[in-house]
Amino acid sequence: MQLKLSVVISTYNMPEWLEKVLYGYENQCFKSFELLIADDGSAVETELLIDGFKKRSTLILKHVWQPDKGFRKSEILNKAIAKAQSDYLVFSDGDCIPRSDFLRVHYEKRRGNHFVSGGYFKLPLNLSKSISKADIDAQRCFDLAWLKQRGLKKSFKNNKLSKNRRWTRFLDQVTPTEATWNGHNASGWKSDIVAANGFDQRMRYGGQDRELGERMMNGGIKAIQARYSAICLHLDHARPYVDKTDLSSNMKIRREVKAARKTFTPYGIEKRDS
């Protein structure tokens, strides 16, 4: 049977978070998907975790791994894209637990010549660590009352966890936040992503996901806002790989893409002379 979605999850040496994320995908109400774990050089603990899930879980898992040679997220994502079997791809990260309707929302919102831009709800470190498999199975970790009992502060962003689909659709329509390709939560047609040649492998941390979306939009692909309806919980962690030089280099590439209305990178899935 042809799977309807391929889900690409990036990870690097965070097996504690990845385990919670995999429990989230076990609880999806939408079942017709494969899960590709795009692993940028994690140590053996991550491999053992994935192997354990393969043995006991109903998830269709593919572990796409490359050696650790520094931050190469774009390269491992491109390798996962090439291995994806479905014609529609969902992207997220190994620190983002998907709500049970996460994939259903992406599947229902997909349209030709469009990509879907989802959101996330960021948790503090203490809450991130406290979430158990039982909490994910019961979806308690997406319940505002449950989170508030554990110290979650009041915020307008708490609307992202609303269970009222009419309300979240309204918020998607009126939000001033631009719909962009977000690495933690976005989806699109594989043909559109391949036409743009995937992620630019010159780019390290900081905006490499958005740059792909910007090239796609330059090519006529439009964005569908799902900031409040396609939701995942973002687990807190340090980011030792953030580098100011890399951020500056990435911004230069993005400015060039914008100025020249580029739709393709020669530094992506398929290597071409620039």
C-alpha atoms as a PDB file:
ATOM      1  CA  MET A   1       0.000   0.000   0.000  1.00  0.00           C
ATOM      2  CA  GLN A   2       1.289   3.444  -0.950  1.00  0.00           C
ATOM      3  CA  LEU A   3       1.899   5.554   2.149  1.00  0.00           C
ATOM      4  CA  LYS A   4       0.271   8.967   2.051  1.00  0.00           C
ATOM      5  CA  LEU A   5       2.952  10.884   3.973  1.00  0.00           C
ATOM      6  CA  SER A   6       6.698  10.745   4.536  1.00  0.00           C
ATOM      7  CA  VAL A   7       7.728  12.463   7.778  1.00  0.00           C
ATOM      8  CA  VAL A   8      11.321  13.716   8.045  1.00  0.00           C
ATOM      9  CA  ILE A   9      12.624  14.298  11.577  1.00  0.00           C
ATOM     10  CA  SER A  10      16.068  15.839  12.154  1.00  0.00           C
ATOM     11  CA  THR A  11      18.082  14.847  15.214  1.00  0.00           C
ATOM     12  CA  TYR A  12      21.542  15.049  16.746  1.00  0.00           C
ATOM     13  CA  ASN A  13      22.522  13.413  20.037  1.00  0.00           C
ATOM     14  CA  MET A  14      19.244  14.000  21.876  1.00  0.00           C
ATOM     15  CA  PRO A  15      17.881  10.461  22.435  1.00  0.00           C
ATOM     16  CA  GLU A  16      15.936  11.520  25.551  1.00  0.00           C
ATOM     17  CA  TRP A  17      13.958  14.047  23.488  1.00  0.00           C
ATOM     18  CA  LEU A  18      13.743  11.833  20.400  1.00  0.00           C
ATOM     19  CA  GLU A  19      12.144   9.044  22.441  1.00  0.00           C
ATOM     20  CA  LYS A  20       9.315  11.370  23.505  1.00  0.00           C
ATOM     21  CA  VAL A  21       8.899  12.503  19.892  1.00  0.00           C
ATOM     22  CA  LEU A  22       8.593   8.919  18.655  1.00  0.00           C
ATOM     23  CA  TYR A  23       5.906   8.265  21.272  1.00  0.00           C
ATOM     24  CA  GLY A  24       4.097  11.264  19.768  1.00  0.00           C
ATOM     25  CA  TYR A  25       4.133   9.675  16.320  1.00  0.00           C
ATOM     26  CA  GLU A  26       2.915   6.380  17.750  1.00  0.00           C
ATOM     27  CA  ASN A  27      -0.179   8.273  18.913  1.00  0.00           C
ATOM     28  CA  GLN A  28      -1.100   9.906  15.603  1.00  0.00           C
ATOM     29  CA  CYS A  29      -4.723   9.483  14.539  1.00  0.00           C
ATOM     30  CA  PHE A  30      -3.459   9.585  10.922  1.00  0.00           C
ATOM     31  CA  LYS A  31      -1.639   6.296  10.336  1.00  0.00           C
ATOM     32  CA  SER A  32      -0.545   6.161   6.687  1.00  0.00           C
ATOM     33  CA  PHE A  33       3.005   7.459   7.008  1.00  0.00           C
ATOM     34  CA  GLU A  34       6.647   6.494   7.181  1.00  0.00           C
ATOM     35  CA  LEU A  35       9.104   8.211   9.507  1.00  0.00           C
ATOM     36  CA  LEU A  36      12.602   9.068   8.311  1.00  0.00           C
ATOM     37  CA  ILE A  37      15.005  10.114  11.071  1.00  0.00           C
ATOM     38  CA  ALA A  38      17.587  12.425   9.520  1.00  0.00           C
ATOM     39  CA  ASP A  39      20.497  11.950  11.922  1.00  0.00           C
ATOM     40  CA  ASP A  40      23.437  14.363  11.644  1.00  0.00           C
ATOM     41  CA  GLY A  41      25.992  12.059  13.233  1.00  0.00           C
ATOM     42  CA  SER A  42      24.508  11.025  16.591  1.00  0.00           C
ATOM     43  CA  ALA A  43      26.354   8.529  18.784  1.00  0.00           C
ATOM     44  CA  VAL A  44      25.274   4.913  19.297  1.00  0.00           C
ATOM     45  CA  GLU A  45      22.618   5.755  21.921  1.00  0.00           C
ATOM     46  CA  THR A  46      20.357   7.159  19.218  1.00  0.00           C
ATOM     47  CA  GLU A  47      20.838   4.094  17.012  1.00  0.00           C
ATOM     48  CA  LEU A  48      19.950   1.795  19.913  1.00  0.00           C
ATOM     49  CA  LEU A  49      16.828   3.823  20.657  1.00  0.00           C
ATOM     50  CA  ILE A  50      15.645   3.635  17.044  1.00  0.00           C
ATOM     51  CA  ASP A  51      16.428  -0.089  16.821  1.00  0.00           C
ATOM     52  CA  GLY A  52      14.337  -0.650  19.938  1.00  0.00           C
ATOM     53  CA  PHE A  53      11.369   1.135  18.384  1.00  0.00           C
ATOM     54  CA  LYS A  54      11.765  -0.853  15.177  1.00  0.00           C
ATOM     55  CA  LYS A  55      11.455  -4.103  17.140  1.00  0.00           C
ATOM     56  CA  ARG A  56       8.376  -3.257  19.200  1.00  0.00           C
ATOM     57  CA  SER A  57       6.589  -0.372  17.474  1.00  0.00           C
ATOM     58  CA  THR A  58       4.186  -0.268  14.542  1.00  0.00           C
ATOM     59  CA  LEU A  59       5.993   2.817  13.221  1.00  0.00           C
ATOM     60  CA  ILE A  60       7.645   2.468   9.810  1.00  0.00           C
ATOM     61  CA  LEU A  61      11.098   3.832  10.654  1.00  0.00           C
ATOM     62  CA  LYS A  62      14.111   4.630   8.482  1.00  0.00           C
ATOM     63  CA  HIS A  63      17.318   5.799  10.154  1.00  0.00           C
ATOM     64  CA  VAL A  64      19.201   8.037   7.712  1.00  0.00           C
ATOM     65  CA  TRP A  65      22.608   8.683   9.337  1.00  0.00           C
ATOM     66  CA  GLN A  66      25.809  10.459   8.363  1.00  0.00           C
ATOM     67  CA  PRO A  67      29.134  10.802  10.244  1.00  0.00           C
ATOM     68  CA  ASP A  68      29.538  13.723  12.640  1.00  0.00           C
ATOM     69  CA  LYS A  69      31.558  16.365  10.795  1.00  0.00           C
ATOM     70  CA  GLY A  70      30.002  19.436  12.348  1.00  0.00           C
ATOM     71  CA  PHE A  71      26.553  20.932  11.765  1.00  0.00           C
ATOM     72  CA  ARG A  72      25.339  19.472   8.453  1.00  0.00           C
ATOM     73  CA  LYS A  73      21.583  19.449   8.929  1.00  0.00           C
ATOM     74  CA  SER A  74      20.882  20.545   5.359  1.00  0.00           C
ATOM     75  CA  GLU A  75      22.894  17.647   3.943  1.00  0.00           C
ATOM     76  CA  ILE A  76      21.207  14.949   6.037  1.00  0.00           C
ATOM     77  CA  LEU A  77      17.764  16.382   5.280  1.00  0.00           C
ATOM     78  CA  ASN A  78      18.532  16.165   1.565  1.00  0.00           C
ATOM     79  CA  LYS A  79      19.561  12.525   1.984  1.00  0.00           C
ATOM     80  CA  ALA A  80      16.282  11.795   3.767  1.00  0.00           C
ATOM     81  CA  ILE A  81      14.272  13.562   1.050  1.00  0.00           C
ATOM     82  CA  ALA A  82      15.882  11.338  -1.567  1.00  0.00           C
ATOM     83  CA  LYS A  83      14.824   8.228   0.383  1.00  0.00           C
ATOM     84  CA  ALA A  84      11.239   9.354   1.056  1.00  0.00           C
ATOM     85  CA  GLN A  85       8.636   7.145  -0.637  1.00  0.00           C
ATOM     86  CA  SER A  86       5.575   9.407  -0.463  1.00  0.00           C
ATOM     87  CA  ASP A  87       4.865  12.329  -2.789  1.00  0.00           C
ATOM     88  CA  TYR A  88       4.039  14.584   0.198  1.00  0.00           C
ATOM     89  CA  LEU A  89       6.612  15.318   2.928  1.00  0.00           C
ATOM     90  CA  VAL A  90       6.210  16.634   6.485  1.00  0.00           C
ATOM     91  CA  PHE A  91       9.256  18.099   8.268  1.00  0.00           C
ATOM     92  CA  SER A  92       9.843  18.493  11.981  1.00  0.00           C
ATOM     93  CA  ASP A  93      12.625  18.118  14.555  1.00  0.00           C
ATOM     94  CA  GLY A  94      13.632  15.491  17.075  1.00  0.00           C
ATOM     95  CA  ASP A  95      12.787  17.855  19.919  1.00  0.00           C
ATOM     96  CA  CYS A  96       9.162  18.467  18.853  1.00  0.00           C
ATOM     97  CA  ILE A  97       6.406  16.168  20.156  1.00  0.00           C
ATOM     98  CA  PRO A  98       3.498  16.143  17.680  1.00  0.00           C
ATOM     99  CA  ARG A  99      -0.060  16.376  18.945  1.00  0.00           C
ATOM    100  CA  SER A 100      -2.239  13.419  17.939  1.00  0.00           C
ATOM    101  CA  ASP A 101      -3.862  15.390  15.092  1.00  0.00           C
ATOM    102  CA  PHE A 102      -0.558  16.793  13.782  1.00  0.00           C
ATOM    103  CA  LEU A 103      -0.288  14.669  10.641  1.00  0.00           C
ATOM    104  CA  ARG A 104      -4.024  14.736   9.974  1.00  0.00           C
ATOM    105  CA  VAL A 105      -3.933  18.544   9.861  1.00  0.00           C
ATOM    106  CA  HIS A 106      -0.987  18.545   7.452  1.00  0.00           C
ATOM    107  CA  TYR A 107      -2.679  15.980   5.220  1.00  0.00           C
ATOM    108  CA  GLU A 108      -6.019  17.801   5.177  1.00  0.00           C
ATOM    109  CA  LYS A 109      -4.440  21.183   4.433  1.00  0.00           C
ATOM    110  CA  ARG A 110      -2.210  20.077   1.574  1.00  0.00           C
ATOM    111  CA  ARG A 111      -2.955  21.691  -1.790  1.00  0.00           C
ATOM    112  CA  GLY A 112      -1.254  21.850  -5.159  1.00  0.00           C
ATOM    113  CA  ASN A 113       1.341  24.639  -5.555  1.00  0.00           C
ATOM    114  CA  HIS A 114       1.320  25.280  -1.789  1.00  0.00           C
ATOM    115  CA  PHE A 115       3.248  24.309   1.326  1.00  0.00           C
ATOM    116  CA  VAL A 116       1.909  24.252   4.896  1.00  0.00           C
ATOM    117  CA  SER A 117       3.532  26.367   7.610  1.00  0.00           C
ATOM    118  CA  GLY A 118       2.861  25.023  11.113  1.00  0.00           C
ATOM    119  CA  GLY A 119       3.696  26.260  14.590  1.00  0.00           C
ATOM    120  CA  TYR A 120       5.118  25.025  17.862  1.00  0.00           C
ATOM    121  CA  PHE A 121       4.493  25.550  21.540  1.00  0.00           C
ATOM    122  CA  LYS A 122       7.750  25.986  23.430  1.00  0.00           C
ATOM    123  CA  LEU A 123       8.043  24.419  26.869  1.00  0.00           C
ATOM    124  CA  PRO A 124      10.542  25.348  29.605  1.00  0.00           C
ATOM    125  CA  LEU A 125      13.184  22.792  30.523  1.00  0.00           C
ATOM    126  CA  ASN A 126      11.503  21.531  33.689  1.00  0.00           C
ATOM    127  CA  LEU A 127       8.264  20.745  31.845  1.00  0.00           C
ATOM    128  CA  SER A 128      10.170  19.246  28.922  1.00  0.00           C
ATOM    129  CA  LYS A 129      11.884  16.776  31.233  1.00  0.00           C
ATOM    130  CA  SER A 130       8.769  15.923  33.236  1.00  0.00           C
ATOM    131  CA  ILE A 131       6.682  14.676  30.275  1.00  0.00           C
ATOM    132  CA  SER A 132       6.391  10.887  30.335  1.00  0.00           C
ATOM    133  CA  LYS A 133       5.240   8.290  27.817  1.00  0.00           C
ATOM    134  CA  ALA A 134       1.954   8.053  29.733  1.00  0.00           C
ATOM    135  CA  ASP A 135       1.470  11.822  29.419  1.00  0.00           C
ATOM    136  CA  ILE A 136       2.000  11.601  25.653  1.00  0.00           C
ATOM    137  CA  ASP A 137      -0.214   8.531  25.255  1.00  0.00           C
ATOM    138  CA  ALA A 138      -3.038  10.301  27.134  1.00  0.00           C
ATOM    139  CA  GLN A 139      -2.231  13.648  25.406  1.00  0.00           C
ATOM    140  CA  ARG A 140      -2.160  15.335  28.848  1.00  0.00           C
ATOM    141  CA  CYS A 141       0.957  17.240  27.842  1.00  0.00           C
ATOM    142  CA  PHE A 142      -1.149  19.189  25.307  1.00  0.00           C
ATOM    143  CA  ASP A 143      -3.771  20.115  27.913  1.00  0.00           C
ATOM    144  CA  LEU A 144      -3.492  23.701  29.145  1.00  0.00           C
ATOM    145  CA  ALA A 145      -4.940  22.962  32.567  1.00  0.00           C
ATOM    146  CA  TRP A 146      -2.428  20.157  33.091  1.00  0.00           C
ATOM    147  CA  LEU A 147       0.471  22.391  32.016  1.00  0.00           C
ATOM    148  CA  LYS A 148      -0.688  25.301  34.186  1.00  0.00           C
ATOM    149  CA  GLN A 149      -0.784  23.008  37.202  1.00  0.00           C
ATOM    150  CA  ARG A 150       2.900  22.397  36.521  1.00  0.00           C
ATOM    151  CA  GLY A 151       3.874  26.043  36.277  1.00  0.00           C
ATOM    152  CA  LEU A 152       3.042  27.133  32.734  1.00  0.00           C
ATOM    153  CA  LYS A 153       2.579  30.901  32.666  1.00  0.00           C
ATOM    154  CA  LYS A 154      -0.354  32.732  31.117  1.00  0.00           C
ATOM    155  CA  SER A 155       0.256  33.880  27.529  1.00  0.00           C
ATOM    156  CA  PHE A 156      -1.664  34.575  24.316  1.00  0.00           C
ATOM    157  CA  LYS A 157       0.475  31.840  22.772  1.00  0.00           C
ATOM    158  CA  ASN A 158      -1.421  29.354  24.930  1.00  0.00           C
ATOM    159  CA  ASN A 159      -4.140  29.613  22.268  1.00  0.00           C
ATOM    160  CA  LYS A 160      -1.967  27.272  20.197  1.00  0.00           C
ATOM    161  CA  LEU A 161      -3.133  24.462  22.452  1.00  0.00           C
ATOM    162  CA  SER A 162      -6.817  25.222  21.991  1.00  0.00           C
ATOM    163  CA  LYS A 163      -8.952  22.200  21.116  1.00  0.00           C
ATOM    164  CA  ASN A 164     -11.504  24.402  19.330  1.00  0.00           C
ATOM    165  CA  ARG A 165     -10.765  23.893  15.629  1.00  0.00           C
ATOM    166  CA  ARG A 166     -12.998  26.789  14.584  1.00  0.00           C
ATOM    167  CA  TRP A 167     -11.060  29.127  16.887  1.00  0.00           C
ATOM    168  CA  THR A 168      -7.651  27.931  15.710  1.00  0.00           C
ATOM    169  CA  ARG A 169      -8.694  28.281  12.049  1.00  0.00           C
ATOM    170  CA  PHE A 170      -9.725  31.857  12.819  1.00  0.00           C
ATOM    171  CA  LEU A 171      -6.388  32.565  14.488  1.00  0.00           C
ATOM    172  CA  ASP A 172      -4.559  31.127  11.474  1.00  0.00           C
ATOM    173  CA  GLN A 173      -6.446  33.585   9.277  1.00  0.00           C
ATOM    174  CA  VAL A 174      -5.863  36.719  11.388  1.00  0.00           C
ATOM    175  CA  THR A 175      -2.340  36.177  12.734  1.00  0.00           C
ATOM    176  CA  PRO A 176       0.119  38.859  11.538  1.00  0.00           C
ATOM    177  CA  THR A 177       2.937  36.297  11.602  1.00  0.00           C
ATOM    178  CA  GLU A 178       4.168  35.480   8.106  1.00  0.00           C
ATOM    179  CA  ALA A 179       3.709  31.895   6.953  1.00  0.00           C
ATOM    180  CA  THR A 180       7.229  30.578   6.273  1.00  0.00           C
ATOM    181  CA  TRP A 181       8.920  27.226   5.808  1.00  0.00           C
ATOM    182  CA  ASN A 182       9.719  26.267   9.410  1.00  0.00           C
ATOM    183  CA  GLY A 183      12.126  23.430  10.107  1.00  0.00           C
ATOM    184  CA  HIS A 184      10.204  22.399  13.195  1.00  0.00           C
ATOM    185  CA  ASN A 185       6.860  22.178  11.382  1.00  0.00           C
ATOM    186  CA  ALA A 186       6.264  22.424   7.637  1.00  0.00           C
ATOM    187  CA  SER A 187       5.081  20.228   4.802  1.00  0.00           C
ATOM    188  CA  GLY A 188       5.078  20.274   1.028  1.00  0.00           C
ATOM    189  CA  TRP A 189       5.044  18.250  -2.156  1.00  0.00           C
ATOM    190  CA  LYS A 190       8.224  16.317  -2.787  1.00  0.00           C
ATOM    191  CA  SER A 191       8.188  17.425  -6.420  1.00  0.00           C
ATOM    192  CA  ASP A 192       8.211  21.108  -5.382  1.00  0.00           C
ATOM    193  CA  ILE A 193      11.046  20.535  -2.900  1.00  0.00           C
ATOM    194  CA  VAL A 194      13.108  18.597  -5.441  1.00  0.00           C
ATOM    195  CA  ALA A 195      12.452  21.275  -8.082  1.00  0.00           C
ATOM    196  CA  ALA A 196      14.102  23.771  -5.721  1.00  0.00           C
ATOM    197  CA  ASN A 197      16.890  21.178  -5.180  1.00  0.00           C
ATOM    198  CA  GLY A 198      16.182  20.847  -1.470  1.00  0.00           C
ATOM    199  CA  PHE A 199      18.204  22.507   1.255  1.00  0.00           C
ATOM    200  CA  ASP A 200      21.285  24.605   0.501  1.00  0.00           C
ATOM    201  CA  GLN A 201      24.184  22.614   1.974  1.00  0.00           C
ATOM    202  CA  ARG A 202      26.410  25.662   2.349  1.00  0.00           C
ATOM    203  CA  MET A 203      24.173  26.808   5.188  1.00  0.00           C
ATOM    204  CA  ARG A 204      24.716  25.879   8.810  1.00  0.00           C
ATOM    205  CA  TYR A 205      22.426  26.735  11.733  1.00  0.00           C
ATOM    206  CA  GLY A 206      20.140  29.735  11.309  1.00  0.00           C
ATOM    207  CA  GLY A 207      17.560  30.226   8.585  1.00  0.00           C
ATOM    208  CA  GLN A 208      18.445  27.314   6.299  1.00  0.00           C
ATOM    209  CA  ASP A 209      14.868  26.057   6.509  1.00  0.00           C
ATOM    210  CA  ARG A 210      13.355  29.417   5.632  1.00  0.00           C
ATOM    211  CA  GLU A 211      15.749  29.806   2.717  1.00  0.00           C
ATOM    212  CA  LEU A 212      14.284  26.698   1.082  1.00  0.00           C
ATOM    213  CA  GLY A 213      10.792  28.144   1.517  1.00  0.00           C
ATOM    214  CA  GLU A 214      11.917  31.449   0.041  1.00  0.00           C
ATOM    215  CA  ARG A 215      13.171  29.713  -3.096  1.00  0.00           C
ATOM    216  CA  MET A 216       9.946  27.757  -3.370  1.00  0.00           C
ATOM    217  CA  MET A 217       7.892  30.936  -3.030  1.00  0.00           C
ATOM    218  CA  ASN A 218      10.047  32.625  -5.674  1.00  0.00           C
ATOM    219  CA  GLY A 219       8.997  29.736  -7.929  1.00  0.00           C
ATOM    220  CA  GLY A 220       5.301  30.415  -7.362  1.00  0.00           C
ATOM    221  CA  ILE A 221       4.624  28.063  -4.426  1.00  0.00           C
ATOM    222  CA  LYS A 222       2.382  29.752  -1.847  1.00  0.00           C
ATOM    223  CA  ALA A 223       2.229  29.213   1.916  1.00  0.00           C
ATOM    224  CA  ILE A 224      -0.764  28.003   3.923  1.00  0.00           C
ATOM    225  CA  GLN A 225      -0.813  29.289   7.502  1.00  0.00           C
ATOM    226  CA  ALA A 226      -1.289  26.562  10.140  1.00  0.00           C
ATOM    227  CA  ARG A 227       0.449  28.244  13.076  1.00  0.00           C
ATOM    228  CA  TYR A 228      -2.408  27.496  15.478  1.00  0.00           C
ATOM    229  CA  SER A 229      -3.783  24.270  14.006  1.00  0.00           C
ATOM    230  CA  ALA A 230      -0.749  22.061  13.270  1.00  0.00           C
ATOM    231  CA  ILE A 231       0.883  21.890  16.678  1.00  0.00           C
ATOM    232  CA  CYS A 232       3.887  20.270  18.305  1.00  0.00           C
ATOM    233  CA  LEU A 233       5.526  20.801  21.700  1.00  0.00           C
ATOM    234  CA  HIS A 234       9.073  22.130  21.434  1.00  0.00           C
ATOM    235  CA  LEU A 235      11.285  20.682  24.172  1.00  0.00           C
ATOM    236  CA  ASP A 236      13.912  23.013  25.602  1.00  0.00           C
ATOM    237  CA  HIS A 237      17.661  22.415  25.203  1.00  0.00           C
ATOM    238  CA  ALA A 238      20.970  24.229  24.740  1.00  0.00           C
ATOM    239  CA  ARG A 239      22.264  25.185  21.274  1.00  0.00           C
ATOM    240  CA  PRO A 240      26.063  25.027  21.400  1.00  0.00           C
ATOM    241  CA  TYR A 241      26.225  24.996  17.588  1.00  0.00           C
ATOM    242  CA  VAL A 242      25.010  28.608  17.203  1.00  0.00           C
ATOM    243  CA  ASP A 243      27.766  30.649  15.565  1.00  0.00           C
ATOM    244  CA  LYS A 244      27.620  34.351  14.637  1.00  0.00           C
ATOM    245  CA  THR A 245      29.781  33.849  11.552  1.00  0.00           C
ATOM    246  CA  ASP A 246      27.458  31.133  10.274  1.00  0.00           C
ATOM    247  CA  LEU A 247      24.415  33.304  10.927  1.00  0.00           C
ATOM    248  CA  SER A 248      25.978  36.149   8.951  1.00  0.00           C
ATOM    249  CA  SER A 249      26.883  33.844   6.055  1.00  0.00           C
ATOM    250  CA  ASN A 250      23.366  32.410   5.997  1.00  0.00           C
ATOM    251  CA  MET A 251      21.809  35.871   5.901  1.00  0.00           C
ATOM    252  CA  LYS A 252      24.021  36.782   2.946  1.00  0.00           C
ATOM    253  CA  ILE A 253      22.764  33.731   1.032  1.00  0.00           C
ATOM    254  CA  ARG A 254      19.160  34.617   1.863  1.00  0.00           C
ATOM    255  CA  ARG A 255      19.638  38.205   0.687  1.00  0.00           C
ATOM    256  CA  GLU A 256      21.026  36.897  -2.610  1.00  0.00           C
ATOM    257  CA  VAL A 257      18.043  34.564  -2.996  1.00  0.00           C
ATOM    258  CA  LYS A 258      15.669  37.458  -2.393  1.00  0.00           C
ATOM    259  CA  ALA A 259      17.461  39.941  -4.638  1.00  0.00           C
ATOM    260  CA  ALA A 260      17.848  37.539  -7.581  1.00  0.00           C
ATOM    261  CA  ARG A 261      14.493  35.783  -7.037  1.00  0.00           C
ATOM    262  CA  LYS A 262      16.338  32.467  -7.061  1.00  0.00           C
ATOM    263  CA  THR A 263      14.272  29.285  -7.287  1.00  0.00           C
ATOM    264  CA  PHE A 264      17.097  26.742  -7.270  1.00  0.00           C
ATOM    265  CA  THR A 265      20.360  26.071  -5.418  1.00  0.00           C
ATOM    266  CA  PRO A 266      23.238  24.203  -7.069  1.00  0.00           C
ATOM    267  CA  TYR A 267      24.330  23.163  -3.551  1.00  0.00           C
ATOM    268  CA  GLY A 268      21.406  20.887  -2.763  1.00  0.00           C
ATOM    269  CA  ILE A 269      20.185  17.340  -3.414  1.00  0.00           C
ATOM    270  CA  GLU A 270      21.747  17.300  -6.860  1.00  0.00           C
ATOM    271  CA  LYS A 271      25.175  18.929  -7.175  1.00  0.00           C
ATOM    272  CA  ARG A 272      25.616  21.256 -10.127  1.00  0.00           C
ATOM    273  CA  ASP A 273      28.215  23.765 -11.236  1.00  0.00           C
ATOM    274  CA  SER A 274      27.263  27.185  -9.886  1.00  0.00           C
END
